[in-house]
Amino acid sequence: MQLSLLKVSVHLMKAHFFFALTANEMGLSPIILILIVVSSIVFIVGFAKSSRENEYKKLMDSFIERKEESD
């Protein structure tokens, strides 16, 4: 009895793990999906670019401070 109950619970856990809605069921049209993907890519690229520029700015500021201290 317990073994069959365990098998049923494992089967239900597998079914719950793989549960997902399709984009159509969520009401997302292909245009909205494309917009989401494009805006995500733009955000990631912009974040990486601004982070890199911020690191360079901090580095240059530290060099300027060192030069002023040595003068």
Protein backbone atom coordinates (compact mmCIF):
# COMPACT_ATOMS: atom_id res chain seq x y z
CA MET A 1 0.00 0.00 0.00
CA GLN A 2 2.73 2.48 0.96
CA LEU A 3 4.78 1.56 -2.09
CA SER A 4 1.92 2.33 -4.47
CA LEU A 5 1.26 5.59 -2.63
CA LEU A 6 4.94 6.48 -3.02
CA LYS A 7 4.80 5.72 -6.76
CA VAL A 8 1.71 7.90 -7.16
CA SER A 9 3.32 10.79 -5.25
CA VAL A 10 6.52 10.54 -7.33
CA HIS A 11 4.45 10.54 -10.53
CA LEU A 12 2.53 13.61 -9.37
CA MET A 13 5.78 15.38 -8.49
CA LYS A 14 7.11 14.72 -11.99
CA ALA A 15 3.91 16.01 -13.56
CA HIS A 16 4.03 19.12 -11.39
CA PHE A 17 7.69 19.71 -12.23
CA PHE A 18 7.09 19.74 -16.00
CA PHE A 19 3.91 21.84 -15.88
CA ALA A 20 4.05 24.95 -18.06
CA LEU A 21 1.75 27.18 -20.05
CA THR A 22 2.37 27.94 -23.68
CA ALA A 23 2.73 31.54 -24.80
CA ASN A 24 -0.63 31.33 -26.54
CA GLU A 25 -2.33 30.16 -23.33
CA MET A 26 -0.84 33.15 -21.51
CA GLY A 27 -2.18 35.49 -24.17
CA LEU A 28 1.21 36.47 -25.60
CA SER A 29 1.26 37.13 -29.31
CA PRO A 30 4.43 36.65 -31.39
CA ILE A 31 4.86 40.44 -31.57
CA ILE A 32 4.85 40.72 -27.77
CA LEU A 33 7.31 37.84 -27.47
CA ILE A 34 9.67 39.52 -29.95
CA LEU A 35 9.34 42.79 -28.02
CA ILE A 36 10.18 41.01 -24.74
CA VAL A 37 13.24 39.31 -26.24
CA VAL A 38 14.55 42.49 -27.91
CA SER A 39 14.06 44.63 -24.80
CA SER A 40 15.78 41.97 -22.67
CA ILE A 41 18.79 41.92 -24.98
CA VAL A 42 18.96 45.73 -25.04
CA PHE A 43 18.80 45.82 -21.23
CA ILE A 44 21.58 43.25 -20.79
CA VAL A 45 23.86 44.93 -23.35
CA GLY A 46 23.19 48.38 -21.87
CA PHE A 47 23.82 47.17 -18.34
CA ALA A 48 27.11 45.54 -19.36
CA LYS A 49 28.22 48.68 -21.22
CA SER A 50 27.37 51.04 -18.37
CA SER A 51 29.06 48.76 -15.83
CA ARG A 52 32.23 48.70 -17.90
CA GLU A 53 32.23 52.50 -18.30
CA ASN A 54 31.64 52.93 -14.57
CA GLU A 55 34.68 50.74 -13.82
CA TYR A 56 36.85 52.84 -16.16
CA LYS A 57 35.61 56.04 -14.53
CA LYS A 58 36.50 54.75 -11.05
CA LEU A 59 39.92 53.66 -12.30
CA MET A 60 40.64 57.06 -13.88
CA ASP A 61 39.44 58.85 -10.73
CA SER A 62 41.83 56.78 -8.62
CA PHE A 63 44.74 57.64 -10.98
CA ILE A 64 43.89 61.36 -10.80
CA GLU A 65 43.78 61.21 -6.99
CA ARG A 66 47.18 59.48 -6.88
CA LYS A 67 48.73 62.11 -9.17
CA GLU A 68 47.36 64.92 -7.02
CA GLU A 69 48.74 63.27 -3.86
CA SER A 70 52.22 62.92 -5.40
CA ASP A 71 52.34 66.62 -6.44
